[in-house]
């Protein structure tokens, strides 16, 4: 379905306003027109118009553009166009709420996280040598990270009192000092219990400050140190992709959705205050499902 004459008309009036009020060049106005036409055509597939677009629609459109290879700079320019356009509609009384609110420029470049397969996660988690206390600690950290989807700052900041092995949950303090309970899988629980009883006392050497995953000096670990440890195991396991602590958080969310988890459940587990922040993972998961369909379906 192509976009309507009404959409074309509102784009024309917006561009005329830009010429009258801001004196923008023809090339700039043509660039704005191209961006808005692309959005209008994308919305038309869902039988929506530019005026009816929600914040979730715009976020999904930007994510889909990134999926097709759009660069961060292009996405930032597109978002700038959309902000000007919807603020114009708001000012003119055409819409009551600006759908570009709370869609931030810095997040555009991170819309689609790098993918890592379940098989690659298995290889990464199997790499640490658990006969060495420091690598046994790292093994448990990787397991907990993938089992819970924690941010790296949340992981390295964990204290013993935040662990409830009987219930199999972590009490996590996230952004804005918001607390959430994060469940762990059986494998992570078993390894964490063995670590707390055996490996951790070796690392602390009797020096006790409550840090769940201490460094060799007995205190807390830095994000840079954990980043280096993950790089080490990725290199040893032969994974050529750029693996960071955040990669496992992305993998946690994507793999849950691939296996049928509800988006709002994933939102709660990740500690996202806004569902639109979580929605990016639906595009990653759908891309994977499309690949599987194309490969295995008899009519593909």
C-alpha atoms as a PDB file:
ATOM      1  CA  UNK A   1       0.000   0.000   0.000  1.00  0.00           C
ATOM      2  CA  UNK A   2       1.353   3.448  -0.898  1.00  0.00           C
ATOM      3  CA  UNK A   3       0.982   6.418   1.372  1.00  0.00           C
ATOM      4  CA  UNK A   4      -2.023   8.696   0.905  1.00  0.00           C
ATOM      5  CA  UNK A   5      -2.477  12.087  -0.729  1.00  0.00           C
ATOM      6  CA  UNK A   6      -3.144  13.447   2.777  1.00  0.00           C
ATOM      7  CA  UNK A   7       0.338  12.395   3.864  1.00  0.00           C
ATOM      8  CA  UNK A   8       1.817  14.014   0.776  1.00  0.00           C
ATOM      9  CA  UNK A   9      -0.075  17.203   1.591  1.00  0.00           C
ATOM     10  CA  UNK A  10       1.136  17.411   5.187  1.00  0.00           C
ATOM     11  CA  UNK A  11       4.736  16.824   4.042  1.00  0.00           C
ATOM     12  CA  UNK A  12       4.392  19.640   1.498  1.00  0.00           C
ATOM     13  CA  UNK A  13       3.051  22.050   4.131  1.00  0.00           C
ATOM     14  CA  UNK A  14       5.879  21.107   6.521  1.00  0.00           C
ATOM     15  CA  UNK A  15       8.519  21.756   3.847  1.00  0.00           C
ATOM     16  CA  UNK A  16       6.908  25.062   2.941  1.00  0.00           C
ATOM     17  CA  UNK A  17       7.098  26.083   6.599  1.00  0.00           C
ATOM     18  CA  UNK A  18      10.817  25.216   6.644  1.00  0.00           C
ATOM     19  CA  UNK A  19      11.403  27.440   3.627  1.00  0.00           C
ATOM     20  CA  UNK A  20       9.361  30.342   5.011  1.00  0.00           C
ATOM     21  CA  UNK A  21      10.625  30.249   8.610  1.00  0.00           C
ATOM     22  CA  UNK A  22      14.140  28.834   8.340  1.00  0.00           C
ATOM     23  CA  UNK A  23      15.134  29.457   4.741  1.00  0.00           C
ATOM     24  CA  UNK A  24      16.527  25.939   4.322  1.00  0.00           C
ATOM     25  CA  UNK A  25      18.069  25.062   0.988  1.00  0.00           C
ATOM     26  CA  UNK A  26      16.325  22.966  -1.639  1.00  0.00           C
ATOM     27  CA  UNK A  27      18.754  20.086  -1.049  1.00  0.00           C
ATOM     28  CA  UNK A  28      18.007  20.047   2.688  1.00  0.00           C
ATOM     29  CA  UNK A  29      14.273  20.152   2.079  1.00  0.00           C
ATOM     30  CA  UNK A  30      14.549  17.312  -0.432  1.00  0.00           C
ATOM     31  CA  UNK A  31      16.437  15.288   2.158  1.00  0.00           C
ATOM     32  CA  UNK A  32      13.630  15.893   4.674  1.00  0.00           C
ATOM     33  CA  UNK A  33      11.040  14.912   2.055  1.00  0.00           C
ATOM     34  CA  UNK A  34      12.905  11.669   1.313  1.00  0.00           C
ATOM     35  CA  UNK A  35      13.013  10.750   5.011  1.00  0.00           C
ATOM     36  CA  UNK A  36       9.323  11.437   5.536  1.00  0.00           C
ATOM     37  CA  UNK A  37       8.262   9.596   2.385  1.00  0.00           C
ATOM     38  CA  UNK A  38      10.217   6.547   3.541  1.00  0.00           C
ATOM     39  CA  UNK A  39       8.468   6.643   6.905  1.00  0.00           C
ATOM     40  CA  UNK A  40       5.051   7.183   5.298  1.00  0.00           C
ATOM     41  CA  UNK A  41       5.542   4.206   2.976  1.00  0.00           C
ATOM     42  CA  UNK A  42       6.717   2.036   5.899  1.00  0.00           C
ATOM     43  CA  UNK A  43       3.689   3.032   7.999  1.00  0.00           C
ATOM     44  CA  UNK A  44       1.328   2.375   5.096  1.00  0.00           C
ATOM     45  CA  UNK A  45       2.171  -1.331   5.277  1.00  0.00           C
ATOM     46  CA  UNK A  46       0.423  -1.323   8.663  1.00  0.00           C
ATOM     47  CA  UNK A  47      -2.365   0.901   7.305  1.00  0.00           C
ATOM     48  CA  UNK A  48      -1.183   3.861   9.356  1.00  0.00           C
ATOM     49  CA  UNK A  49      -0.460   7.443   8.358  1.00  0.00           C
ATOM     50  CA  UNK A  50       2.215   9.881   9.485  1.00  0.00           C
ATOM     51  CA  UNK A  51      -0.321  11.585  11.752  1.00  0.00           C
ATOM     52  CA  UNK A  52      -1.307   8.278  13.405  1.00  0.00           C
ATOM     53  CA  UNK A  53       2.265   7.098  14.112  1.00  0.00           C
ATOM     54  CA  UNK A  54       3.083   6.259  17.733  1.00  0.00           C
ATOM     55  CA  UNK A  55       6.436   6.425  19.491  1.00  0.00           C
ATOM     56  CA  UNK A  56       6.672   2.627  19.214  1.00  0.00           C
ATOM     57  CA  UNK A  57       6.096   2.903  15.434  1.00  0.00           C
ATOM     58  CA  UNK A  58       8.920   5.403  15.063  1.00  0.00           C
ATOM     59  CA  UNK A  59      11.274   3.374  17.225  1.00  0.00           C
ATOM     60  CA  UNK A  60      10.508   0.245  15.177  1.00  0.00           C
ATOM     61  CA  UNK A  61      11.041   2.174  11.928  1.00  0.00           C
ATOM     62  CA  UNK A  62      14.465   3.391  13.059  1.00  0.00           C
ATOM     63  CA  UNK A  63      15.378  -0.110  14.185  1.00  0.00           C
ATOM     64  CA  UNK A  64      14.275  -1.594  10.851  1.00  0.00           C
ATOM     65  CA  UNK A  65      16.419   0.980   9.034  1.00  0.00           C
ATOM     66  CA  UNK A  66      19.440  -0.056  11.092  1.00  0.00           C
ATOM     67  CA  UNK A  67      18.632  -3.687  10.338  1.00  0.00           C
ATOM     68  CA  UNK A  68      18.952  -2.885   6.625  1.00  0.00           C
ATOM     69  CA  UNK A  69      22.362  -1.315   7.135  1.00  0.00           C
ATOM     70  CA  UNK A  70      21.639   2.350   7.879  1.00  0.00           C
ATOM     71  CA  UNK A  71      24.564   4.047   9.600  1.00  0.00           C
ATOM     72  CA  UNK A  72      24.313   5.797  12.947  1.00  0.00           C
ATOM     73  CA  UNK A  73      24.715   9.198  11.296  1.00  0.00           C
ATOM     74  CA  UNK A  74      21.832   8.471   8.906  1.00  0.00           C
ATOM     75  CA  UNK A  75      19.615   7.339  11.767  1.00  0.00           C
ATOM     76  CA  UNK A  76      20.491  10.454  13.762  1.00  0.00           C
ATOM     77  CA  UNK A  77      19.612  12.647  10.782  1.00  0.00           C
ATOM     78  CA  UNK A  78      16.329  10.766  10.303  1.00  0.00           C
ATOM     79  CA  UNK A  79      15.439  11.269  13.965  1.00  0.00           C
ATOM     80  CA  UNK A  80      16.217  14.981  13.639  1.00  0.00           C
ATOM     81  CA  UNK A  81      13.828  15.164  10.669  1.00  0.00           C
ATOM     82  CA  UNK A  82      11.093  13.357  12.580  1.00  0.00           C
ATOM     83  CA  UNK A  83      11.461  15.631  15.590  1.00  0.00           C
ATOM     84  CA  UNK A  84      11.076  18.755  13.485  1.00  0.00           C
ATOM     85  CA  UNK A  85       8.144  17.280  11.604  1.00  0.00           C
ATOM     86  CA  UNK A  86       6.172  16.131  14.664  1.00  0.00           C
ATOM     87  CA  UNK A  87       6.876  19.321  16.599  1.00  0.00           C
ATOM     88  CA  UNK A  88       5.452  21.188  13.614  1.00  0.00           C
ATOM     89  CA  UNK A  89       2.319  18.990  13.698  1.00  0.00           C
ATOM     90  CA  UNK A  90       2.018  19.534  17.458  1.00  0.00           C
ATOM     91  CA  UNK A  91       2.329  23.287  17.074  1.00  0.00           C
ATOM     92  CA  UNK A  92      -0.317  23.290  14.337  1.00  0.00           C
ATOM     93  CA  UNK A  93      -2.708  21.293  16.502  1.00  0.00           C
ATOM     94  CA  UNK A  94      -2.725  18.308  14.130  1.00  0.00           C
ATOM     95  CA  UNK A  95      -1.553  15.921  16.880  1.00  0.00           C
ATOM     96  CA  UNK A  96      -1.858  16.097  20.667  1.00  0.00           C
ATOM     97  CA  UNK A  97       1.397  14.384  21.644  1.00  0.00           C
ATOM     98  CA  UNK A  98       4.863  14.355  20.110  1.00  0.00           C
ATOM     99  CA  UNK A  99       5.732  10.683  19.365  1.00  0.00           C
ATOM    100  CA  UNK A 100       9.465  11.468  19.192  1.00  0.00           C
ATOM    101  CA  UNK A 101       9.609  12.181  22.936  1.00  0.00           C
ATOM    102  CA  UNK A 102      12.037   9.930  24.836  1.00  0.00           C
ATOM    103  CA  UNK A 103      13.646   8.642  21.643  1.00  0.00           C
ATOM    104  CA  UNK A 104      17.225   9.732  22.270  1.00  0.00           C
ATOM    105  CA  UNK A 105      19.983  10.384  19.746  1.00  0.00           C
ATOM    106  CA  UNK A 106      22.703   8.430  21.646  1.00  0.00           C
ATOM    107  CA  UNK A 107      20.624   5.257  21.521  1.00  0.00           C
ATOM    108  CA  UNK A 108      20.215   5.355  17.757  1.00  0.00           C
ATOM    109  CA  UNK A 109      23.721   4.104  17.147  1.00  0.00           C
ATOM    110  CA  UNK A 110      23.090   1.174  19.471  1.00  0.00           C
ATOM    111  CA  UNK A 111      19.704   0.128  18.157  1.00  0.00           C
ATOM    112  CA  UNK A 112      20.805  -3.240  16.866  1.00  0.00           C
ATOM    113  CA  UNK A 113      23.284  -5.020  19.123  1.00  0.00           C
ATOM    114  CA  UNK A 114      25.842  -7.396  17.692  1.00  0.00           C
ATOM    115  CA  UNK A 115      24.506 -10.928  17.516  1.00  0.00           C
ATOM    116  CA  UNK A 116      26.112 -13.954  19.130  1.00  0.00           C
ATOM    117  CA  UNK A 117      24.623 -17.399  18.654  1.00  0.00           C
ATOM    118  CA  UNK A 118      23.699 -19.865  21.384  1.00  0.00           C
ATOM    119  CA  UNK A 119      26.493 -22.143  20.178  1.00  0.00           C
ATOM    120  CA  UNK A 120      29.016 -19.308  20.515  1.00  0.00           C
ATOM    121  CA  UNK A 121      27.771 -18.569  24.021  1.00  0.00           C
ATOM    122  CA  UNK A 122      28.308 -22.237  24.915  1.00  0.00           C
ATOM    123  CA  UNK A 123      31.869 -22.068  23.587  1.00  0.00           C
ATOM    124  CA  UNK A 124      32.596 -18.890  25.527  1.00  0.00           C
ATOM    125  CA  UNK A 125      31.192 -20.259  28.786  1.00  0.00           C
ATOM    126  CA  UNK A 126      33.134 -23.509  28.409  1.00  0.00           C
ATOM    127  CA  UNK A 127      36.492 -21.783  27.912  1.00  0.00           C
ATOM    128  CA  UNK A 128      37.593 -20.842  31.480  1.00  0.00           C
ATOM    129  CA  UNK A 129      39.793 -23.423  33.205  1.00  0.00           C
ATOM    130  CA  UNK A 130      37.906 -24.114  36.447  1.00  0.00           C
ATOM    131  CA  UNK A 131      40.991 -25.713  38.021  1.00  0.00           C
ATOM    132  CA  UNK A 132      42.324 -22.146  38.380  1.00  0.00           C
ATOM    133  CA  UNK A 133      40.478 -20.078  41.039  1.00  0.00           C
ATOM    134  CA  UNK A 134      40.529 -16.869  38.984  1.00  0.00           C
ATOM    135  CA  UNK A 135      39.105 -18.615  35.910  1.00  0.00           C
ATOM    136  CA  UNK A 136      36.595 -20.538  38.019  1.00  0.00           C
ATOM    137  CA  UNK A 137      35.370 -17.139  39.246  1.00  0.00           C
ATOM    138  CA  UNK A 138      35.168 -15.876  35.668  1.00  0.00           C
ATOM    139  CA  UNK A 139      33.226 -18.972  34.618  1.00  0.00           C
ATOM    140  CA  UNK A 140      30.561 -18.271  37.246  1.00  0.00           C
ATOM    141  CA  UNK A 141      30.440 -14.587  36.309  1.00  0.00           C
ATOM    142  CA  UNK A 142      29.828 -15.472  32.674  1.00  0.00           C
ATOM    143  CA  UNK A 143      27.151 -17.979  33.656  1.00  0.00           C
ATOM    144  CA  UNK A 144      25.397 -15.455  35.896  1.00  0.00           C
ATOM    145  CA  UNK A 145      25.635 -12.724  33.269  1.00  0.00           C
ATOM    146  CA  UNK A 146      24.080 -14.886  30.565  1.00  0.00           C
ATOM    147  CA  UNK A 147      21.487 -16.367  32.942  1.00  0.00           C
ATOM    148  CA  UNK A 148      20.304 -12.990  34.240  1.00  0.00           C
ATOM    149  CA  UNK A 149      20.989 -10.327  31.611  1.00  0.00           C
ATOM    150  CA  UNK A 150      22.596  -8.021  34.175  1.00  0.00           C
ATOM    151  CA  UNK A 151      24.434  -4.888  33.205  1.00  0.00           C
ATOM    152  CA  UNK A 152      28.174  -5.284  33.803  1.00  0.00           C
ATOM    153  CA  UNK A 153      28.081  -2.617  36.522  1.00  0.00           C
ATOM    154  CA  UNK A 154      25.329  -4.574  38.277  1.00  0.00           C
ATOM    155  CA  UNK A 155      27.319  -7.811  38.007  1.00  0.00           C
ATOM    156  CA  UNK A 156      30.619  -6.557  39.409  1.00  0.00           C
ATOM    157  CA  UNK A 157      28.790  -4.630  42.119  1.00  0.00           C
ATOM    158  CA  UNK A 158      26.932  -7.654  43.483  1.00  0.00           C
ATOM    159  CA  UNK A 159      27.263  -8.281  47.202  1.00  0.00           C
ATOM    160  CA  UNK A 160      26.742 -11.583  49.013  1.00  0.00           C
ATOM    161  CA  UNK A 161      23.573 -10.339  50.692  1.00  0.00           C
ATOM    162  CA  UNK A 162      21.977  -9.787  47.267  1.00  0.00           C
ATOM    163  CA  UNK A 163      22.110 -13.529  46.511  1.00  0.00           C
ATOM    164  CA  UNK A 164      19.258 -15.821  47.565  1.00  0.00           C
ATOM    165  CA  UNK A 165      20.212 -19.312  46.432  1.00  0.00           C
ATOM    166  CA  UNK A 166      17.196 -20.946  48.073  1.00  0.00           C
ATOM    167  CA  UNK A 167      14.824 -18.916  45.926  1.00  0.00           C
ATOM    168  CA  UNK A 168      17.259 -18.754  43.022  1.00  0.00           C
ATOM    169  CA  UNK A 169      17.174 -14.978  42.617  1.00  0.00           C
ATOM    170  CA  UNK A 170      19.409 -11.932  42.773  1.00  0.00           C
ATOM    171  CA  UNK A 171      18.267  -8.641  44.282  1.00  0.00           C
ATOM    172  CA  UNK A 172      19.716  -6.165  41.821  1.00  0.00           C
ATOM    173  CA  UNK A 173      20.015  -2.403  42.181  1.00  0.00           C
ATOM    174  CA  UNK A 174      19.840  -0.946  38.684  1.00  0.00           C
ATOM    175  CA  UNK A 175      19.690   2.498  37.111  1.00  0.00           C
ATOM    176  CA  UNK A 176      18.041   5.146  39.250  1.00  0.00           C
ATOM    177  CA  UNK A 177      18.601   2.949  42.321  1.00  0.00           C
ATOM    178  CA  UNK A 178      15.622   0.832  41.285  1.00  0.00           C
ATOM    179  CA  UNK A 179      15.576  -2.668  42.761  1.00  0.00           C
ATOM    180  CA  UNK A 180      14.429  -5.752  40.895  1.00  0.00           C
ATOM    181  CA  UNK A 181      14.504  -9.478  41.516  1.00  0.00           C
ATOM    182  CA  UNK A 182      16.287 -11.400  38.774  1.00  0.00           C
ATOM    183  CA  UNK A 183      15.873 -15.182  38.579  1.00  0.00           C
ATOM    184  CA  UNK A 184      18.725 -17.533  37.765  1.00  0.00           C
ATOM    185  CA  UNK A 185      18.623 -20.843  35.937  1.00  0.00           C
ATOM    186  CA  UNK A 186      19.493 -24.141  37.631  1.00  0.00           C
ATOM    187  CA  UNK A 187      22.963 -24.279  36.103  1.00  0.00           C
ATOM    188  CA  UNK A 188      23.872 -20.785  37.280  1.00  0.00           C
ATOM    189  CA  UNK A 189      22.484 -21.498  40.768  1.00  0.00           C
ATOM    190  CA  UNK A 190      24.513 -24.703  41.130  1.00  0.00           C
ATOM    191  CA  UNK A 191      27.733 -23.062  39.953  1.00  0.00           C
ATOM    192  CA  UNK A 192      27.184 -19.991  42.101  1.00  0.00           C
ATOM    193  CA  UNK A 193      26.597 -22.113  45.195  1.00  0.00           C
ATOM    194  CA  UNK A 194      29.780 -24.143  44.598  1.00  0.00           C
ATOM    195  CA  UNK A 195      31.728 -20.941  43.945  1.00  0.00           C
ATOM    196  CA  UNK A 196      30.579 -19.252  47.170  1.00  0.00           C
ATOM    197  CA  UNK A 197      31.496 -22.317  49.247  1.00  0.00           C
ATOM    198  CA  UNK A 198      34.805 -23.171  47.594  1.00  0.00           C
ATOM    199  CA  UNK A 199      36.450 -20.723  45.173  1.00  0.00           C
ATOM    200  CA  UNK A 200      35.472 -17.391  46.695  1.00  0.00           C
ATOM    201  CA  UNK A 201      37.176 -18.031  50.075  1.00  0.00           C
ATOM    202  CA  UNK A 202      40.390 -18.802  48.172  1.00  0.00           C
ATOM    203  CA  UNK A 203      40.186 -15.452  46.391  1.00  0.00           C
ATOM    204  CA  UNK A 204      39.402 -13.378  49.481  1.00  0.00           C
ATOM    205  CA  UNK A 205      42.046 -15.093  51.633  1.00  0.00           C
ATOM    206  CA  UNK A 206      40.045 -14.288  54.725  1.00  0.00           C
ATOM    207  CA  UNK A 207      39.631 -10.604  53.827  1.00  0.00           C
ATOM    208  CA  UNK A 208      35.859 -10.126  53.820  1.00  0.00           C
ATOM    209  CA  UNK A 209      34.109  -7.062  52.442  1.00  0.00           C
ATOM    210  CA  UNK A 210      31.011  -8.728  51.005  1.00  0.00           C
ATOM    211  CA  UNK A 211      31.867  -8.453  47.295  1.00  0.00           C
ATOM    212  CA  UNK A 212      30.486 -11.502  45.486  1.00  0.00           C
ATOM    213  CA  UNK A 213      33.139 -11.533  42.756  1.00  0.00           C
ATOM    214  CA  UNK A 214      36.368 -10.130  44.234  1.00  0.00           C
ATOM    215  CA  UNK A 215      39.529  -9.342  42.328  1.00  0.00           C
ATOM    216  CA  UNK A 216      42.841 -10.973  43.151  1.00  0.00           C
ATOM    217  CA  UNK A 217      43.423  -8.168  45.654  1.00  0.00           C
ATOM    218  CA  UNK A 218      40.253  -9.097  47.491  1.00  0.00           C
ATOM    219  CA  UNK A 219      38.276  -5.972  46.632  1.00  0.00           C
ATOM    220  CA  UNK A 220      35.784  -5.186  43.899  1.00  0.00           C
ATOM    221  CA  UNK A 221      36.550  -5.696  40.219  1.00  0.00           C
ATOM    222  CA  UNK A 222      36.512  -2.911  37.626  1.00  0.00           C
ATOM    223  CA  UNK A 223      34.480  -3.042  34.430  1.00  0.00           C
ATOM    224  CA  UNK A 224      37.699  -2.801  32.432  1.00  0.00           C
ATOM    225  CA  UNK A 225      39.098  -5.890  34.136  1.00  0.00           C
ATOM    226  CA  UNK A 226      36.019  -7.960  33.362  1.00  0.00           C
ATOM    227  CA  UNK A 227      36.001  -6.640  29.787  1.00  0.00           C
ATOM    228  CA  UNK A 228      39.601  -7.869  29.426  1.00  0.00           C
ATOM    229  CA  UNK A 229      38.705 -11.291  30.857  1.00  0.00           C
ATOM    230  CA  UNK A 230      35.883 -11.762  28.359  1.00  0.00           C
ATOM    231  CA  UNK A 231      38.157 -10.734  25.485  1.00  0.00           C
ATOM    232  CA  UNK A 232      40.630 -13.353  26.650  1.00  0.00           C
ATOM    233  CA  UNK A 233      38.085 -16.169  26.618  1.00  0.00           C
ATOM    234  CA  UNK A 234      36.588 -15.070  23.295  1.00  0.00           C
ATOM    235  CA  UNK A 235      40.063 -15.155  21.741  1.00  0.00           C
ATOM    236  CA  UNK A 236      40.877 -18.553  23.231  1.00  0.00           C
ATOM    237  CA  UNK A 237      37.585 -20.029  22.043  1.00  0.00           C
ATOM    238  CA  UNK A 238      38.145 -18.793  18.491  1.00  0.00           C
ATOM    239  CA  UNK A 239      35.188 -16.379  18.401  1.00  0.00           C
ATOM    240  CA  UNK A 240      36.178 -13.641  15.973  1.00  0.00           C
ATOM    241  CA  UNK A 241      33.308 -11.288  16.855  1.00  0.00           C
ATOM    242  CA  UNK A 242      33.735  -8.272  19.108  1.00  0.00           C
ATOM    243  CA  UNK A 243      32.576  -9.759  22.423  1.00  0.00           C
ATOM    244  CA  UNK A 244      31.967  -7.464  25.409  1.00  0.00           C
ATOM    245  CA  UNK A 245      30.112  -7.918  28.721  1.00  0.00           C
ATOM    246  CA  UNK A 246      27.121  -6.205  27.102  1.00  0.00           C
ATOM    247  CA  UNK A 247      27.124  -8.846  24.343  1.00  0.00           C
ATOM    248  CA  UNK A 248      25.933 -11.453  26.831  1.00  0.00           C
ATOM    249  CA  UNK A 249      23.174  -9.128  28.042  1.00  0.00           C
ATOM    250  CA  UNK A 250      22.039  -8.785  24.426  1.00  0.00           C
ATOM    251  CA  UNK A 251      22.287 -12.544  23.939  1.00  0.00           C
ATOM    252  CA  UNK A 252      20.202 -13.126  27.081  1.00  0.00           C
ATOM    253  CA  UNK A 253      17.351 -10.980  25.727  1.00  0.00           C
ATOM    254  CA  UNK A 254      17.534 -12.171  22.124  1.00  0.00           C
ATOM    255  CA  UNK A 255      17.694 -15.864  22.964  1.00  0.00           C
ATOM    256  CA  UNK A 256      14.751 -15.551  25.366  1.00  0.00           C
ATOM    257  CA  UNK A 257      12.645 -13.995  22.618  1.00  0.00           C
ATOM    258  CA  UNK A 258      13.813 -16.593  20.108  1.00  0.00           C
ATOM    259  CA  UNK A 259      12.421 -19.221  22.461  1.00  0.00           C
ATOM    260  CA  UNK A 260       9.056 -17.498  22.831  1.00  0.00           C
ATOM    261  CA  UNK A 261       9.443 -15.245  25.875  1.00  0.00           C
ATOM    262  CA  UNK A 262       7.025 -12.326  26.227  1.00  0.00           C
ATOM    263  CA  UNK A 263       8.523  -8.906  25.478  1.00  0.00           C
ATOM    264  CA  UNK A 264       7.245  -7.364  28.725  1.00  0.00           C
ATOM    265  CA  UNK A 265       8.816 -10.169  30.747  1.00  0.00           C
ATOM    266  CA  UNK A 266      12.155  -9.475  29.052  1.00  0.00           C
ATOM    267  CA  UNK A 267      11.665  -5.768  29.808  1.00  0.00           C
ATOM    268  CA  UNK A 268      11.300  -6.531  33.530  1.00  0.00           C
ATOM    269  CA  UNK A 269      14.288  -8.882  33.558  1.00  0.00           C
ATOM    270  CA  UNK A 270      16.533  -6.321  31.857  1.00  0.00           C
ATOM    271  CA  UNK A 271      15.383  -3.533  34.161  1.00  0.00           C
ATOM    272  CA  UNK A 272      14.203  -1.295  31.306  1.00  0.00           C
ATOM    273  CA  UNK A 273      11.824   1.418  32.475  1.00  0.00           C
ATOM    274  CA  UNK A 274      10.393   1.827  28.972  1.00  0.00           C
ATOM    275  CA  UNK A 275       9.140  -0.975  26.711  1.00  0.00           C
ATOM    276  CA  UNK A 276      10.405   0.840  23.600  1.00  0.00           C
ATOM    277  CA  UNK A 277      13.973   0.317  24.830  1.00  0.00           C
ATOM    278  CA  UNK A 278      13.359  -3.431  24.887  1.00  0.00           C
ATOM    279  CA  UNK A 279      11.593  -3.530  21.513  1.00  0.00           C
ATOM    280  CA  UNK A 280      14.867  -3.459  19.605  1.00  0.00           C
ATOM    281  CA  UNK A 281      15.385  -7.098  20.533  1.00  0.00           C
ATOM    282  CA  UNK A 282      12.244  -8.109  18.669  1.00  0.00           C
ATOM    283  CA  UNK A 283      13.953  -7.068  15.429  1.00  0.00           C
ATOM    284  CA  UNK A 284      17.055  -9.067  16.244  1.00  0.00           C
ATOM    285  CA  UNK A 285      14.963 -12.105  17.163  1.00  0.00           C
ATOM    286  CA  UNK A 286      12.693 -11.780  14.115  1.00  0.00           C
ATOM    287  CA  UNK A 287      15.712 -11.595  11.827  1.00  0.00           C
ATOM    288  CA  UNK A 288      16.948 -14.881  13.274  1.00  0.00           C
ATOM    289  CA  UNK A 289      13.517 -16.488  12.885  1.00  0.00           C
ATOM    290  CA  UNK A 290      13.358 -15.348   9.269  1.00  0.00           C
ATOM    291  CA  UNK A 291      16.743 -16.937   8.606  1.00  0.00           C
ATOM    292  CA  UNK A 292      15.583 -20.210  10.142  1.00  0.00           C
ATOM    293  CA  UNK A 293      12.357 -20.116   8.117  1.00  0.00           C
ATOM    294  CA  UNK A 294      14.210 -19.486   4.863  1.00  0.00           C
ATOM    295  CA  UNK A 295      16.652 -22.292   5.587  1.00  0.00           C
ATOM    296  CA  UNK A 296      14.279 -24.981   6.798  1.00  0.00           C
ATOM    297  CA  UNK A 297      10.785 -24.325   5.441  1.00  0.00           C
ATOM    298  CA  UNK A 298       9.982 -26.544   2.419  1.00  0.00           C
ATOM    299  CA  UNK A 299       8.431 -23.619   0.484  1.00  0.00           C
ATOM    300  CA  UNK A 300      11.288 -21.210   1.132  1.00  0.00           C
END
